[in-house]
PDB file of N, CA and C in Angstrom:
ATOM      1  N   MET A   1     163.647 131.261 123.289  1.00  0.00           N
ATOM      2  CA  MET A   1     162.818 131.314 124.487  1.00  0.00           C
ATOM      3  C   MET A   1     163.341 130.285 125.483  1.00  0.00           C
ATOM      4  N   GLU A   2     163.448 130.692 126.704  1.00  0.00           N
ATOM      5  CA  GLU A   2     163.922 129.813 127.752  1.00  0.00           C
ATOM      6  C   GLU A   2     162.929 128.662 127.976  1.00  0.00           C
ATOM      7  N   ILE A   3     163.442 127.484 128.266  1.00  0.00           N
ATOM      8  CA  ILE A   3     162.589 126.301 128.418  1.00  0.00           C
ATOM      9  C   ILE A   3     161.565 126.468 129.536  1.00  0.00           C
ATOM     10  N   MET A   4     161.990 127.021 130.679  1.00  0.00           N
ATOM     11  CA  MET A   4     161.043 127.201 131.787  1.00  0.00           C
ATOM     12  C   MET A   4     159.901 128.126 131.380  1.00  0.00           C
ATOM     13  N   THR A   5     160.226 129.177 130.639  1.00  0.00           N
ATOM     14  CA  THR A   5     159.204 130.114 130.186  1.00  0.00           C
ATOM     15  C   THR A   5     158.291 129.451 129.172  1.00  0.00           C
ATOM     16  N   ALA A   6     158.847 128.669 128.263  1.00  0.00           N
ATOM     17  CA  ALA A   6     158.035 127.969 127.258  1.00  0.00           C
ATOM     18  C   ALA A   6     157.071 127.002 127.936  1.00  0.00           C
ATOM     19  N   PHE A   7     157.555 126.275 128.927  1.00  0.00           N
ATOM     20  CA  PHE A   7     156.703 125.342 129.657  1.00  0.00           C
ATOM     21  C   PHE A   7     155.555 126.095 130.318  1.00  0.00           C
ATOM     22  N   GLY A   8     155.871 127.172 131.022  1.00  0.00           N
ATOM     23  CA  GLY A   8     154.858 127.952 131.722  1.00  0.00           C
ATOM     24  C   GLY A   8     153.834 128.569 130.784  1.00  0.00           C
ATOM     25  N   GLU A   9     154.290 129.076 129.642  1.00  0.00           N
ATOM     26  CA  GLU A   9     153.369 129.680 128.678  1.00  0.00           C
ATOM     27  C   GLU A   9     152.433 128.637 128.079  1.00  0.00           C
ATOM     28  N   HIS A  10     152.976 127.462 127.793  1.00  0.00           N
ATOM     29  CA  HIS A  10     152.149 126.381 127.240  1.00  0.00           C
ATOM     30  C   HIS A  10     151.137 125.920 128.287  1.00  0.00           C
ATOM     31  N   MET A  11     151.591 125.814 129.518  1.00  0.00           N
ATOM     32  CA  MET A  11     150.704 125.424 130.618  1.00  0.00           C
ATOM     33  C   MET A  11     149.578 126.449 130.770  1.00  0.00           C
ATOM     34  N   ARG A  12     149.916 127.721 130.724  1.00  0.00           N
ATOM     35  CA  ARG A  12     148.921 128.792 130.851  1.00  0.00           C
ATOM     36  C   ARG A  12     147.899 128.726 129.711  1.00  0.00           C
ATOM     37  N   ARG A  13     148.377 128.495 128.493  1.00  0.00           N
ATOM     38  CA  ARG A  13     147.491 128.425 127.325  1.00  0.00           C
ATOM     39  C   ARG A  13     146.516 127.260 127.453  1.00  0.00           C
ATOM     40  N   LEU A  14     147.038 126.096 127.836  1.00  0.00           N
ATOM     41  CA  LEU A  14     146.165 124.929 127.997  1.00  0.00           C
ATOM     42  C   LEU A  14     145.143 125.137 129.109  1.00  0.00           C
ATOM     43  N   MET A  15     145.557 125.763 130.186  1.00  0.00           N
ATOM     44  CA  MET A  15     144.625 126.038 131.285  1.00  0.00           C
ATOM     45  C   MET A  15     143.507 126.962 130.800  1.00  0.00           C
ATOM     46  N   ALA A  16     143.868 127.984 130.050  1.00  0.00           N
ATOM     47  CA  ALA A  16     142.866 128.929 129.538  1.00  0.00           C
ATOM     48  C   ALA A  16     141.911 128.234 128.570  1.00  0.00           C
ATOM     49  N   GLU A  17     142.460 127.406 127.688  1.00  0.00           N
ATOM     50  CA  GLU A  17     141.622 126.682 126.720  1.00  0.00           C
ATOM     51  C   GLU A  17     140.626 125.766 127.414  1.00  0.00           C
ATOM     52  N   ARG A  18     141.023 125.202 128.544  1.00  0.00           N
ATOM     53  CA  ARG A  18     140.159 124.255 129.246  1.00  0.00           C
ATOM     54  C   ARG A  18     139.350 124.908 130.364  1.00  0.00           C
ATOM     55  N   GLY A  19     139.556 126.220 130.557  1.00  0.00           N
ATOM     56  CA  GLY A  19     138.823 126.938 131.592  1.00  0.00           C
ATOM     57  C   GLY A  19     139.173 126.474 132.992  1.00  0.00           C
ATOM     58  N   MET A  20     140.431 126.111 133.211  1.00  0.00           N
ATOM     59  CA  MET A  20     140.852 125.585 134.504  1.00  0.00           C
ATOM     60  C   MET A  20     141.666 126.632 135.258  1.00  0.00           C
ATOM     61  N   SER A  21     141.311 126.840 136.507  1.00  0.00           N
ATOM     62  CA  SER A  21     142.059 127.781 137.347  1.00  0.00           C
ATOM     63  C   SER A  21     143.291 127.093 137.933  1.00  0.00           C
ATOM     64  N   LEU A  22     144.185 127.890 138.449  1.00  0.00           N
ATOM     65  CA  LEU A  22     145.379 127.355 139.090  1.00  0.00           C
ATOM     66  C   LEU A  22     145.002 126.552 140.332  1.00  0.00           C
ATOM     67  N   HIS A  23     143.989 127.002 141.058  1.00  0.00           N
ATOM     68  CA  HIS A  23     143.538 126.269 142.249  1.00  0.00           C
ATOM     69  C   HIS A  23     142.952 124.906 141.866  1.00  0.00           C
ATOM     70  N   GLN A  24     142.208 124.858 140.773  1.00  0.00           N
ATOM     71  CA  GLN A  24     141.657 123.576 140.307  1.00  0.00           C
ATOM     72  C   GLN A  24     142.779 122.642 139.883  1.00  0.00           C
ATOM     73  N   LEU A  25     143.754 123.180 139.162  1.00  0.00           N
ATOM     74  CA  LEU A  25     144.885 122.360 138.716  1.00  0.00           C
ATOM     75  C   LEU A  25     145.671 121.841 139.920  1.00  0.00           C
ATOM     76  N   ALA A  26     145.866 122.682 140.920  1.00  0.00           N
ATOM     77  CA  ALA A  26     146.589 122.267 142.124  1.00  0.00           C
ATOM     78  C   ALA A  26     145.873 121.119 142.822  1.00  0.00           C
ATOM     79  N   LYS A  27     144.558 121.206 142.897  1.00  0.00           N
ATOM     80  CA  LYS A  27     143.784 120.150 143.556  1.00  0.00           C
ATOM     81  C   LYS A  27     143.877 118.837 142.787  1.00  0.00           C
ATOM     82  N   ILE A  28     143.777 118.905 141.462  1.00  0.00           N
ATOM     83  CA  ILE A  28     143.825 117.700 140.627  1.00  0.00           C
ATOM     84  C   ILE A  28     145.204 117.053 140.648  1.00  0.00           C
ATOM     85  N   THR A  29     146.257 117.872 140.575  1.00  0.00           N
ATOM     86  CA  THR A  29     147.618 117.338 140.483  1.00  0.00           C
ATOM     87  C   THR A  29     148.244 117.059 141.839  1.00  0.00           C
ATOM     88  N   ASN A  30     147.609 117.556 142.908  1.00  0.00           N
ATOM     89  CA  ASN A  30     148.129 117.400 144.264  1.00  0.00           C
ATOM     90  C   ASN A  30     149.470 118.130 144.441  1.00  0.00           C
ATOM     91  N   TYR A  31     149.588 119.297 143.817  1.00  0.00           N
ATOM     92  CA  TYR A  31     150.739 120.170 143.983  1.00  0.00           C
ATOM     93  C   TYR A  31     150.267 121.478 144.606  1.00  0.00           C
ATOM     94  N   ASP A  32     151.138 122.127 145.337  1.00  0.00           N
ATOM     95  CA  ASP A  32     150.842 123.400 145.973  1.00  0.00           C
ATOM     96  C   ASP A  32     150.574 124.476 144.924  1.00  0.00           C
ATOM     97  N   VAL A  33     149.542 125.275 145.137  1.00  0.00           N
ATOM     98  CA  VAL A  33     149.171 126.315 144.180  1.00  0.00           C
ATOM     99  C   VAL A  33     150.303 127.344 144.005  1.00  0.00           C
ATOM    100  N   GLY A  34     151.016 127.640 145.077  1.00  0.00           N
ATOM    101  CA  GLY A  34     152.141 128.582 144.999  1.00  0.00           C
ATOM    102  C   GLY A  34     153.258 128.056 144.112  1.00  0.00           C
ATOM    103  N   TYR A  35     153.551 126.776 144.252  1.00  0.00           N
ATOM    104  CA  TYR A  35     154.581 126.153 143.416  1.00  0.00           C
ATOM    105  C   TYR A  35     154.147 126.143 141.952  1.00  0.00           C
ATOM    106  N   LEU A  36     152.894 125.767 141.695  1.00  0.00           N
ATOM    107  CA  LEU A  36     152.394 125.759 140.323  1.00  0.00           C
ATOM    108  C   LEU A  36     152.446 127.162 139.712  1.00  0.00           C
ATOM    109  N   SER A  37     152.145 128.166 140.515  1.00  0.00           N
ATOM    110  CA  SER A  37     152.205 129.543 140.036  1.00  0.00           C
ATOM    111  C   SER A  37     153.621 129.906 139.612  1.00  0.00           C
ATOM    112  N   LYS A  38     154.594 129.507 140.415  1.00  0.00           N
ATOM    113  CA  LYS A  38     155.994 129.796 140.081  1.00  0.00           C
ATOM    114  C   LYS A  38     156.430 129.060 138.827  1.00  0.00           C
ATOM    115  N   VAL A  39     155.976 127.831 138.660  1.00  0.00           N
ATOM    116  CA  VAL A  39     156.291 127.071 137.445  1.00  0.00           C
ATOM    117  C   VAL A  39     155.647 127.744 136.239  1.00  0.00           C
ATOM    118  N   ARG A  40     154.382 128.106 136.375  1.00  0.00           N
ATOM    119  CA  ARG A  40     153.643 128.729 135.269  1.00  0.00           C
ATOM    120  C   ARG A  40     154.268 130.069 134.866  1.00  0.00           C
ATOM    121  N   ASN A  41     154.824 130.786 135.842  1.00  0.00           N
ATOM    122  CA  ASN A  41     155.430 132.084 135.556  1.00  0.00           C
ATOM    123  C   ASN A  41     156.918 131.999 135.225  1.00  0.00           C
ATOM    124  N   GLY A  42     157.447 130.769 135.122  1.00  0.00           N
ATOM    125  CA  GLY A  42     158.839 130.577 134.725  1.00  0.00           C
ATOM    126  C   GLY A  42     159.854 130.853 135.808  1.00  0.00           C
ATOM    127  N   ARG A  43     159.425 130.907 137.065  1.00  0.00           N
ATOM    128  CA  ARG A  43     160.352 131.170 138.162  1.00  0.00           C
ATOM    129  C   ARG A  43     160.902 129.896 138.799  1.00  0.00           C
ATOM    130  N   LYS A  44     160.259 128.770 138.536  1.00  0.00           N
ATOM    131  CA  LYS A  44     160.716 127.467 139.035  1.00  0.00           C
ATOM    132  C   LYS A  44     160.647 126.463 137.887  1.00  0.00           C
ATOM    133  N   PRO A  45     161.601 125.541 137.827  1.00  0.00           N
ATOM    134  CA  PRO A  45     161.528 124.499 136.794  1.00  0.00           C
ATOM    135  C   PRO A  45     160.517 123.422 137.178  1.00  0.00           C
ATOM    136  N   ALA A  46     159.932 122.810 136.185  1.00  0.00           N
ATOM    137  CA  ALA A  46     159.000 121.704 136.415  1.00  0.00           C
ATOM    138  C   ALA A  46     159.762 120.388 136.361  1.00  0.00           C
ATOM    139  N   SER A  47     159.397 119.487 137.245  1.00  0.00           N
ATOM    140  CA  SER A  47     159.973 118.144 137.195  1.00  0.00           C
ATOM    141  C   SER A  47     159.194 117.340 136.164  1.00  0.00           C
ATOM    142  N   LEU A  48     159.743 116.197 135.775  1.00  0.00           N
ATOM    143  CA  LEU A  48     159.014 115.314 134.865  1.00  0.00           C
ATOM    144  C   LEU A  48     157.730 114.808 135.504  1.00  0.00           C
ATOM    145  N   ALA A  49     157.768 114.574 136.821  1.00  0.00           N
ATOM    146  CA  ALA A  49     156.570 114.103 137.522  1.00  0.00           C
ATOM    147  C   ALA A  49     155.465 115.155 137.466  1.00  0.00           C
ATOM    148  N   LEU A  50     155.824 116.418 137.700  1.00  0.00           N
ATOM    149  CA  LEU A  50     154.826 117.486 137.623  1.00  0.00           C
ATOM    150  C   LEU A  50     154.303 117.619 136.199  1.00  0.00           C
ATOM    151  N   ALA A  51     155.195 117.605 135.224  1.00  0.00           N
ATOM    152  CA  ALA A  51     154.775 117.739 133.821  1.00  0.00           C
ATOM    153  C   ALA A  51     153.809 116.623 133.441  1.00  0.00           C
ATOM    154  N   ALA A  52     154.076 115.413 133.906  1.00  0.00           N
ATOM    155  CA  ALA A  52     153.191 114.287 133.592  1.00  0.00           C
ATOM    156  C   ALA A  52     151.820 114.475 134.229  1.00  0.00           C
ATOM    157  N   ARG A  53     151.790 114.954 135.476  1.00  0.00           N
ATOM    158  CA  ARG A  53     150.502 115.170 136.151  1.00  0.00           C
ATOM    159  C   ARG A  53     149.715 116.304 135.497  1.00  0.00           C
ATOM    160  N   VAL A  54     150.418 117.367 135.113  1.00  0.00           N
ATOM    161  CA  VAL A  54     149.747 118.493 134.456  1.00  0.00           C
ATOM    162  C   VAL A  54     149.253 118.059 133.076  1.00  0.00           C
ATOM    163  N   ASP A  55     150.070 117.272 132.368  1.00  0.00           N
ATOM    164  CA  ASP A  55     149.639 116.697 131.081  1.00  0.00           C
ATOM    165  C   ASP A  55     148.313 115.962 131.238  1.00  0.00           C
ATOM    166  N   ALA A  56     148.260 115.100 132.241  1.00  0.00           N
ATOM    167  CA  ALA A  56     147.062 114.291 132.452  1.00  0.00           C
ATOM    168  C   ALA A  56     145.865 115.164 132.838  1.00  0.00           C
ATOM    169  N   ALA A  57     146.096 116.134 133.722  1.00  0.00           N
ATOM    170  CA  ALA A  57     145.011 116.996 134.183  1.00  0.00           C
ATOM    171  C   ALA A  57     144.447 117.869 133.069  1.00  0.00           C
ATOM    172  N   LEU A  58     145.318 118.330 132.179  1.00  0.00           N
ATOM    173  CA  LEU A  58     144.893 119.231 131.112  1.00  0.00           C
ATOM    174  C   LEU A  58     144.612 118.503 129.800  1.00  0.00           C
ATOM    175  N   GLY A  59     144.814 117.199 129.785  1.00  0.00           N
ATOM    176  CA  GLY A  59     144.584 116.449 128.558  1.00  0.00           C
ATOM    177  C   GLY A  59     145.576 116.814 127.477  1.00  0.00           C
ATOM    178  N   ALA A  60     146.769 117.212 127.871  1.00  0.00           N
ATOM    179  CA  ALA A  60     147.775 117.654 126.903  1.00  0.00           C
ATOM    180  C   ALA A  60     148.359 116.503 126.106  1.00  0.00           C
ATOM    181  N   ASP A  61     148.149 115.273 126.562  1.00  0.00           N
ATOM    182  CA  ASP A  61     148.684 114.136 125.830  1.00  0.00           C
ATOM    183  C   ASP A  61     147.689 113.605 124.804  1.00  0.00           C
ATOM    184  N   ALA A  62     146.528 114.219 124.734  1.00  0.00           N
ATOM    185  CA  ALA A  62     145.522 113.788 123.765  1.00  0.00           C
ATOM    186  C   ALA A  62     145.727 114.507 122.436  1.00  0.00           C
ATOM    187  N   LEU A  63     145.453 113.829 121.365  1.00  0.00           N
ATOM    188  CA  LEU A  63     145.517 114.466 120.059  1.00  0.00           C
ATOM    189  C   LEU A  63     144.299 115.373 119.905  1.00  0.00           C
ATOM    190  N   THR A  64     144.504 116.499 119.266  1.00  0.00           N
ATOM    191  CA  THR A  64     143.416 117.460 119.128  1.00  0.00           C
ATOM    192  C   THR A  64     142.965 117.583 117.681  1.00  0.00           C
ATOM    193  N   ALA A  65     143.006 116.498 116.960  1.00  0.00           N
ATOM    194  CA  ALA A  65     142.585 116.507 115.558  1.00  0.00           C
ATOM    195  C   ALA A  65     141.082 116.720 115.460  1.00  0.00           C
ATOM    196  N   PRO A  66     140.633 117.443 114.448  1.00  0.00           N
ATOM    197  CA  PRO A  66     139.202 117.678 114.302  1.00  0.00           C
ATOM    198  C   PRO A  66     138.412 116.443 113.885  1.00  0.00           C
ATOM    199  N   SER A  67     139.057 115.478 113.276  1.00  0.00           N
ATOM    200  CA  SER A  67     138.359 114.273 112.847  1.00  0.00           C
ATOM    201  C   SER A  67     139.276 113.074 113.001  1.00  0.00           C
ATOM    202  N   PRO A  68     138.720 111.865 113.148  1.00  0.00           N
ATOM    203  CA  PRO A  68     139.568 110.669 113.288  1.00  0.00           C
ATOM    204  C   PRO A  68     140.524 110.489 112.109  1.00  0.00           C
ATOM    205  N   ALA A  69     140.123 110.852 110.914  1.00  0.00           N
ATOM    206  CA  ALA A  69     140.979 110.682 109.735  1.00  0.00           C
ATOM    207  C   ALA A  69     142.222 111.559 109.800  1.00  0.00           C
ATOM    208  N   ALA A  70     142.135 112.705 110.465  1.00  0.00           N
ATOM    209  CA  ALA A  70     143.261 113.638 110.529  1.00  0.00           C
ATOM    210  C   ALA A  70     144.204 113.349 111.688  1.00  0.00           C
ATOM    211  N   ARG A  71     143.847 112.444 112.556  1.00  0.00           N
ATOM    212  CA  ARG A  71     144.651 112.213 113.763  1.00  0.00           C
ATOM    213  C   ARG A  71     146.079 111.794 113.477  1.00  0.00           C
ATOM    214  N   GLY A  72     146.316 111.002 112.473  1.00  0.00           N
ATOM    215  CA  GLY A  72     147.663 110.569 112.178  1.00  0.00           C
ATOM    216  C   GLY A  72     148.567 111.684 111.710  1.00  0.00           C
ATOM    217  N   LYS A  73     148.013 112.818 111.372  1.00  0.00           N
ATOM    218  CA  LYS A  73     148.786 113.940 110.855  1.00  0.00           C
ATOM    219  C   LYS A  73     149.188 114.934 111.942  1.00  0.00           C
ATOM    220  N   LEU A  74     148.633 114.791 113.139  1.00  0.00           N
ATOM    221  CA  LEU A  74     148.923 115.729 114.215  1.00  0.00           C
ATOM    222  C   LEU A  74     149.801 115.072 115.270  1.00  0.00           C
ATOM    223  N   GLN A  75     150.611 115.888 115.896  1.00  0.00           N
ATOM    224  CA  GLN A  75     151.463 115.422 116.981  1.00  0.00           C
ATOM    225  C   GLN A  75     150.838 115.825 118.306  1.00  0.00           C
ATOM    226  N   PRO A  76     150.962 114.994 119.342  1.00  0.00           N
ATOM    227  CA  PRO A  76     150.427 115.374 120.634  1.00  0.00           C
ATOM    228  C   PRO A  76     151.191 116.584 121.183  1.00  0.00           C
ATOM    229  N   ALA A  77     150.494 117.451 121.881  1.00  0.00           N
ATOM    230  CA  ALA A  77     151.111 118.625 122.499  1.00  0.00           C
ATOM    231  C   ALA A  77     151.340 118.309 123.965  1.00  0.00           C
ATOM    232  N   ARG A  78     152.435 117.673 124.257  1.00  0.00           N
ATOM    233  CA  ARG A  78     152.709 117.256 125.630  1.00  0.00           C
ATOM    234  C   ARG A  78     153.581 118.277 126.337  1.00  0.00           C
ATOM    235  N   LEU A  79     153.171 118.631 127.540  1.00  0.00           N
ATOM    236  CA  LEU A  79     153.976 119.532 128.345  1.00  0.00           C
ATOM    237  C   LEU A  79     155.294 118.866 128.745  1.00  0.00           C
ATOM    238  N   CYS A  80     155.290 117.535 128.856  1.00  0.00           N
ATOM    239  CA  CYS A  80     156.512 116.820 129.233  1.00  0.00           C
ATOM    240  C   CYS A  80     157.661 117.143 128.280  1.00  0.00           C
ATOM    241  N   GLN A  81     157.349 117.373 127.012  1.00  0.00           N
ATOM    242  CA  GLN A  81     158.379 117.678 126.029  1.00  0.00           C
ATOM    243  C   GLN A  81     159.012 119.041 126.287  1.00  0.00           C
ATOM    244  N   LEU A  82     158.313 119.927 126.984  1.00  0.00           N
ATOM    245  CA  LEU A  82     158.831 121.251 127.287  1.00  0.00           C
ATOM    246  C   LEU A  82     159.455 121.331 128.668  1.00  0.00           C
ATOM    247  N   CYS A  83     159.405 120.241 129.416  1.00  0.00           N
ATOM    248  CA  CYS A  83     159.915 120.217 130.775  1.00  0.00           C
ATOM    249  C   CYS A  83     161.436 120.361 130.771  1.00  0.00           C
ATOM    250  N   PRO A  84     162.005 121.268 131.595  1.00  0.00           N
ATOM    251  CA  PRO A  84     163.460 121.424 131.653  1.00  0.00           C
ATOM    252  C   PRO A  84     164.181 120.116 131.958  1.00  0.00           C
ATOM    253  N   ALA A  85     163.618 119.289 132.821  1.00  0.00           N
ATOM    254  CA  ALA A  85     164.255 118.013 133.160  1.00  0.00           C
ATOM    255  C   ALA A  85     164.323 117.099 131.946  1.00  0.00           C
ATOM    256  N   ALA A  86     163.327 117.145 131.080  1.00  0.00           N
ATOM    257  CA  ALA A  86     163.325 116.304 129.883  1.00  0.00           C
ATOM    258  C   ALA A  86     164.430 116.720 128.932  1.00  0.00           C
ATOM    259  N   SER A  87     164.656 118.005 128.795  1.00  0.00           N
ATOM    260  CA  SER A  87     165.713 118.454 127.890  1.00  0.00           C
ATOM    261  C   SER A  87     167.086 118.098 128.431  1.00  0.00           C
ATOM    262  N   GLU A  88     167.228 118.075 129.769  1.00  0.00           N
ATOM    263  CA  GLU A  88     168.500 117.668 130.359  1.00  0.00           C
ATOM    264  C   GLU A  88     168.762 116.184 130.092  1.00  0.00           C
ATOM    265  N   ILE A  89     167.732 115.362 130.177  1.00  0.00           N
ATOM    266  CA  ILE A  89     167.872 113.936 129.936  1.00  0.00           C
ATOM    267  C   ILE A  89     168.235 113.677 128.471  1.00  0.00           C
ATOM    268  N   SER A  90     167.530 114.332 127.546  1.00  0.00           N
ATOM    269  CA  SER A  90     167.785 114.091 126.136  1.00  0.00           C
ATOM    270  C   SER A  90     169.144 114.619 125.703  1.00  0.00           C
ATOM    271  N   SER A  91     169.681 115.627 126.384  1.00  0.00           N
ATOM    272  CA  SER A  91     170.980 116.154 125.991  1.00  0.00           C
ATOM    273  C   SER A  91     172.131 115.270 126.465  1.00  0.00           C
ATOM    274  N   THR A  92     171.858 114.351 127.407  1.00  0.00           N
ATOM    275  CA  THR A  92     172.901 113.450 127.879  1.00  0.00           C
ATOM    276  C   THR A  92     172.934 112.151 127.097  1.00  0.00           C
ATOM    277  N   ARG A  93     172.000 111.948 126.184  1.00  0.00           N
ATOM    278  CA  ARG A  93     171.959 110.709 125.399  1.00  0.00           C
ATOM    279  C   ARG A  93     172.832 110.804 124.184  1.00  0.00           C
TER     280      ARG A  93
END
């Protein structure tokens, strides 16, 4: 799966889980709704700055463990990890 598509699909899933519209996300992140739509649909790559703002808006950096005892066993689901710019940075290291 292409990275841009994976990012957009994950973003769409998190938005649906949180009941957030694209217009609400645009207002919270201070990004244009048209640009966010293109990112979500895999037509534009997301920058690390956008991924970080979307992470924060959707709570994607929070652990979703059902109980405090299980938290150490789960990994955070961060959109930043799916960001095309992040994969470019990690491939140059």
